[in-house]
Amino acid sequence: MTTGPWHGAHVVFDQLEGAWDLDRNIENQATMTGTAVFERRQPDVMAYREEGRVRLAGGKELDAFREYRFERAPRGFTVFFNEAPPRVFHHIELERDGDAFAGLATHLCSPDVYDSSYRFLADGTFVVCHTVRGPRKDYVSATLFKRRKAR
């Protein structure tokens, strides 16, 4: 079985470094296209920043960005909100799933719950999906990341 450029759960973290094109769909609410950059800060720490153009279901467009901190963990990584002190969003432990590596996590953002999945595919892309349920939020956000080509 091939796993493309990922080569194993233990090296996925290192393979994230660099620039990615992102394409996000938030069901029945919005789409976003833009870029995401994983920038190495320390051997086991990367800053993540995404920015792009959001198009709301009604047609309005706006610029948006988001930042996180990723830290290497055994068999995966931990994602922290970009705040001081750092607060855990979720911990992803990767396992082989066919020709991909995948991990799941849940985050309580009281009173809503985020069930998240990461899938690192053999073609070198990866998908992050957040299913958000609760009294304030009810949607699925799916983002496809493709390695950014040199221009």
C-alpha atoms as a PDB file:
ATOM      1  CA  MET A   1       0.000   0.000   0.000  1.00  0.00           C
ATOM      2  CA  THR A   2       1.250   3.438  -0.867  1.00  0.00           C
ATOM      3  CA  THR A   3       0.929   6.444   1.403  1.00  0.00           C
ATOM      4  CA  GLY A   4       2.397   8.957  -1.023  1.00  0.00           C
ATOM      5  CA  PRO A   5       4.688  11.571   0.481  1.00  0.00           C
ATOM      6  CA  TRP A   6       3.583  10.937   4.070  1.00  0.00           C
ATOM      7  CA  HIS A   7       5.855   7.861   4.583  1.00  0.00           C
ATOM      8  CA  GLY A   8       4.446   7.110   8.044  1.00  0.00           C
ATOM      9  CA  ALA A   9       2.537   8.672  10.910  1.00  0.00           C
ATOM     10  CA  HIS A  10       5.802   9.684  12.578  1.00  0.00           C
ATOM     11  CA  VAL A  11       6.832  11.993   9.684  1.00  0.00           C
ATOM     12  CA  VAL A  12       3.514  13.654   8.795  1.00  0.00           C
ATOM     13  CA  PHE A  13       4.315  16.617  11.053  1.00  0.00           C
ATOM     14  CA  ASP A  14       7.548  17.403   9.153  1.00  0.00           C
ATOM     15  CA  GLN A  15       5.827  17.032   5.767  1.00  0.00           C
ATOM     16  CA  LEU A  16       3.358  19.807   6.655  1.00  0.00           C
ATOM     17  CA  GLU A  17       6.027  22.517   6.570  1.00  0.00           C
ATOM     18  CA  GLY A  18       5.590  25.023   3.755  1.00  0.00           C
ATOM     19  CA  ALA A  19       2.752  26.562   1.752  1.00  0.00           C
ATOM     20  CA  TRP A  20      -0.564  24.960   0.799  1.00  0.00           C
ATOM     21  CA  ASP A  21      -3.576  26.033  -1.259  1.00  0.00           C
ATOM     22  CA  LEU A  22      -6.800  25.544   0.649  1.00  0.00           C
ATOM     23  CA  ASP A  23     -10.361  25.087  -0.506  1.00  0.00           C
ATOM     24  CA  ARG A  24     -13.009  25.058   2.257  1.00  0.00           C
ATOM     25  CA  ASN A  25     -16.718  24.383   2.175  1.00  0.00           C
ATOM     26  CA  ILE A  26     -18.901  25.178   5.190  1.00  0.00           C
ATOM     27  CA  GLU A  27     -22.171  23.458   4.351  1.00  0.00           C
ATOM     28  CA  ASN A  28     -24.969  25.838   3.383  1.00  0.00           C
ATOM     29  CA  GLN A  29     -23.023  28.805   4.800  1.00  0.00           C
ATOM     30  CA  ALA A  30     -19.831  29.714   2.966  1.00  0.00           C
ATOM     31  CA  THR A  31     -16.804  28.739   0.919  1.00  0.00           C
ATOM     32  CA  MET A  32     -13.217  29.875   1.302  1.00  0.00           C
ATOM     33  CA  THR A  33     -10.206  29.746  -0.998  1.00  0.00           C
ATOM     34  CA  GLY A  34      -6.766  30.827   0.065  1.00  0.00           C
ATOM     35  CA  THR A  35      -3.419  29.712   1.366  1.00  0.00           C
ATOM     36  CA  ALA A  36      -2.112  28.077   4.512  1.00  0.00           C
ATOM     37  CA  VAL A  37       1.492  28.212   5.669  1.00  0.00           C
ATOM     38  CA  PHE A  38       3.156  25.971   8.240  1.00  0.00           C
ATOM     39  CA  GLU A  39       6.294  27.815   9.398  1.00  0.00           C
ATOM     40  CA  ARG A  40       8.880  26.020  11.537  1.00  0.00           C
ATOM     41  CA  ARG A  41       9.572  27.895  14.786  1.00  0.00           C
ATOM     42  CA  GLN A  42      11.386  25.141  16.693  1.00  0.00           C
ATOM     43  CA  PRO A  43      12.215  21.526  15.760  1.00  0.00           C
ATOM     44  CA  ASP A  44       8.874  20.332  17.167  1.00  0.00           C
ATOM     45  CA  VAL A  45       6.773  23.502  16.740  1.00  0.00           C
ATOM     46  CA  MET A  46       5.179  25.138  13.688  1.00  0.00           C
ATOM     47  CA  ALA A  47       3.101  28.269  13.409  1.00  0.00           C
ATOM     48  CA  TYR A  48       0.078  27.866  11.144  1.00  0.00           C
ATOM     49  CA  ARG A  49      -1.582  30.773   9.359  1.00  0.00           C
ATOM     50  CA  GLU A  50      -4.328  30.607   6.782  1.00  0.00           C
ATOM     51  CA  GLU A  51      -5.747  33.523   4.875  1.00  0.00           C
ATOM     52  CA  GLY A  52      -8.110  33.855   2.010  1.00  0.00           C
ATOM     53  CA  ARG A  53     -11.386  35.024   0.584  1.00  0.00           C
ATOM     54  CA  VAL A  54     -14.675  33.876   2.117  1.00  0.00           C
ATOM     55  CA  ARG A  55     -17.840  33.899   0.041  1.00  0.00           C
ATOM     56  CA  LEU A  56     -21.000  33.732   2.140  1.00  0.00           C
ATOM     57  CA  ALA A  57     -24.091  31.890   0.905  1.00  0.00           C
ATOM     58  CA  GLY A  58     -25.788  35.236   0.166  1.00  0.00           C
ATOM     59  CA  GLY A  59     -22.914  36.291  -2.112  1.00  0.00           C
ATOM     60  CA  LYS A  60     -21.090  38.713   0.192  1.00  0.00           C
ATOM     61  CA  GLU A  61     -17.285  38.307   0.173  1.00  0.00           C
ATOM     62  CA  LEU A  62     -14.734  39.144   2.842  1.00  0.00           C
ATOM     63  CA  ASP A  63     -11.113  38.484   3.748  1.00  0.00           C
ATOM     64  CA  ALA A  64     -10.378  36.104   6.618  1.00  0.00           C
ATOM     65  CA  PHE A  65      -7.457  34.559   8.468  1.00  0.00           C
ATOM     66  CA  ARG A  66      -6.873  32.067  11.269  1.00  0.00           C
ATOM     67  CA  GLU A  67      -3.781  31.056  13.232  1.00  0.00           C
ATOM     68  CA  TYR A  68      -2.857  28.001  15.277  1.00  0.00           C
ATOM     69  CA  ARG A  69       0.260  26.442  16.772  1.00  0.00           C
ATOM     70  CA  PHE A  70       1.120  22.837  15.882  1.00  0.00           C
ATOM     71  CA  GLU A  71       3.412  20.746  18.077  1.00  0.00           C
ATOM     72  CA  ARG A  72       4.819  17.328  17.296  1.00  0.00           C
ATOM     73  CA  ALA A  73       3.458  14.516  19.453  1.00  0.00           C
ATOM     74  CA  PRO A  74       4.137  10.782  19.389  1.00  0.00           C
ATOM     75  CA  ARG A  75       2.290   9.417  16.306  1.00  0.00           C
ATOM     76  CA  GLY A  76       0.843  12.803  15.371  1.00  0.00           C
ATOM     77  CA  PHE A  77       0.521  16.367  16.600  1.00  0.00           C
ATOM     78  CA  THR A  78      -1.325  18.682  18.965  1.00  0.00           C
ATOM     79  CA  VAL A  79      -3.084  21.811  17.699  1.00  0.00           C
ATOM     80  CA  PHE A  80      -3.221  24.830  19.991  1.00  0.00           C
ATOM     81  CA  PHE A  81      -5.215  28.025  19.667  1.00  0.00           C
ATOM     82  CA  ASN A  82      -2.927  30.986  18.952  1.00  0.00           C
ATOM     83  CA  GLU A  83      -3.280  32.653  22.327  1.00  0.00           C
ATOM     84  CA  ALA A  84      -1.288  33.114  25.526  1.00  0.00           C
ATOM     85  CA  PRO A  85      -1.143  30.906  27.370  1.00  0.00           C
ATOM     86  CA  PRO A  86      -1.627  28.277  24.636  1.00  0.00           C
ATOM     87  CA  ARG A  87      -4.861  26.282  24.912  1.00  0.00           C
ATOM     88  CA  VAL A  88      -5.331  22.877  23.262  1.00  0.00           C
ATOM     89  CA  PHE A  89      -7.805  22.698  20.393  1.00  0.00           C
ATOM     90  CA  HIS A  90      -7.197  18.996  19.816  1.00  0.00           C
ATOM     91  CA  HIS A  91      -4.663  16.203  19.797  1.00  0.00           C
ATOM     92  CA  ILE A  92      -4.412  14.067  16.663  1.00  0.00           C
ATOM     93  CA  GLU A  93      -2.963  10.557  16.848  1.00  0.00           C
ATOM     94  CA  LEU A  94      -2.540   9.165  13.347  1.00  0.00           C
ATOM     95  CA  GLU A  95      -3.127   5.600  12.224  1.00  0.00           C
ATOM     96  CA  ARG A  96      -2.905   3.966   8.835  1.00  0.00           C
ATOM     97  CA  ASP A  97      -6.302   3.806   7.133  1.00  0.00           C
ATOM     98  CA  GLY A  98      -5.928   2.025   3.799  1.00  0.00           C
ATOM     99  CA  ASP A  99      -3.493   4.120   1.759  1.00  0.00           C
ATOM    100  CA  ALA A 100      -3.930   7.167   4.032  1.00  0.00           C
ATOM    101  CA  PHE A 101      -3.103   8.249   7.567  1.00  0.00           C
ATOM    102  CA  ALA A 102      -6.028   9.452   9.641  1.00  0.00           C
ATOM    103  CA  GLY A 103      -6.770  10.815  13.088  1.00  0.00           C
ATOM    104  CA  LEU A 104      -9.814  11.950  15.052  1.00  0.00           C
ATOM    105  CA  ALA A 105     -10.372  14.379  17.923  1.00  0.00           C
ATOM    106  CA  THR A 106     -13.204  16.030  19.831  1.00  0.00           C
ATOM    107  CA  HIS A 107     -13.202  19.521  21.321  1.00  0.00           C
ATOM    108  CA  LEU A 108     -15.859  20.935  23.623  1.00  0.00           C
ATOM    109  CA  CYS A 109     -16.448  24.621  22.983  1.00  0.00           C
ATOM    110  CA  SER A 110     -19.250  24.760  25.504  1.00  0.00           C
ATOM    111  CA  PRO A 111     -22.024  24.290  24.760  1.00  0.00           C
ATOM    112  CA  ASP A 112     -21.049  23.159  21.229  1.00  0.00           C
ATOM    113  CA  VAL A 113     -18.922  20.128  20.271  1.00  0.00           C
ATOM    114  CA  TYR A 114     -16.352  19.929  17.436  1.00  0.00           C
ATOM    115  CA  ASP A 115     -15.675  16.431  16.106  1.00  0.00           C
ATOM    116  CA  SER A 116     -12.634  16.722  13.862  1.00  0.00           C
ATOM    117  CA  SER A 117     -10.920  14.396  11.419  1.00  0.00           C
ATOM    118  CA  TYR A 118      -7.617  14.680   9.566  1.00  0.00           C
ATOM    119  CA  ARG A 119      -6.890  12.487   6.532  1.00  0.00           C
ATOM    120  CA  PHE A 120      -3.488  12.538   4.834  1.00  0.00           C
ATOM    121  CA  LEU A 121      -4.021  11.020   1.394  1.00  0.00           C
ATOM    122  CA  ALA A 122      -1.646   9.111  -0.881  1.00  0.00           C
ATOM    123  CA  ASP A 123      -1.846  11.844  -3.548  1.00  0.00           C
ATOM    124  CA  GLY A 124      -0.089  14.276  -1.172  1.00  0.00           C
ATOM    125  CA  THR A 125      -3.209  16.228  -0.225  1.00  0.00           C
ATOM    126  CA  PHE A 126      -4.921  16.264   3.134  1.00  0.00           C
ATOM    127  CA  VAL A 127      -8.442  16.980   4.341  1.00  0.00           C
ATOM    128  CA  VAL A 128      -9.537  18.477   7.658  1.00  0.00           C
ATOM    129  CA  CYS A 129     -13.206  18.128   8.533  1.00  0.00           C
ATOM    130  CA  HIS A 130     -14.964  19.669  11.545  1.00  0.00           C
ATOM    131  CA  THR A 131     -18.495  18.541  12.379  1.00  0.00           C
ATOM    132  CA  VAL A 132     -19.874  21.120  14.788  1.00  0.00           C
ATOM    133  CA  ARG A 133     -23.051  20.441  16.764  1.00  0.00           C
ATOM    134  CA  GLY A 134     -24.799  22.207  19.604  1.00  0.00           C
ATOM    135  CA  PRO A 135     -27.328  24.849  20.479  1.00  0.00           C
ATOM    136  CA  ARG A 136     -25.304  27.662  18.851  1.00  0.00           C
ATOM    137  CA  LYS A 137     -23.703  25.893  15.888  1.00  0.00           C
ATOM    138  CA  ASP A 138     -24.692  23.145  13.474  1.00  0.00           C
ATOM    139  CA  TYR A 139     -22.504  22.652  10.394  1.00  0.00           C
ATOM    140  CA  VAL A 140     -19.764  20.659   8.711  1.00  0.00           C
ATOM    141  CA  SER A 141     -16.609  22.404   7.513  1.00  0.00           C
ATOM    142  CA  ALA A 142     -14.379  20.452   5.108  1.00  0.00           C
ATOM    143  CA  THR A 143     -11.033  21.820   3.900  1.00  0.00           C
ATOM    144  CA  LEU A 144      -8.847  20.314   1.181  1.00  0.00           C
ATOM    145  CA  PHE A 145      -5.143  21.226   1.277  1.00  0.00           C
ATOM    146  CA  LYS A 146      -2.921  20.857  -1.809  1.00  0.00           C
ATOM    147  CA  ARG A 147       0.800  21.597  -1.807  1.00  0.00           C
ATOM    148  CA  ARG A 148       1.280  25.083  -3.273  1.00  0.00           C
ATOM    149  CA  LYS A 149       3.167  25.065  -6.572  1.00  0.00           C
ATOM    150  CA  ALA A 150       6.096  27.433  -7.033  1.00  0.00           C
ATOM    151  CA  ARG A 151       5.053  30.395  -9.152  1.00  0.00           C
END
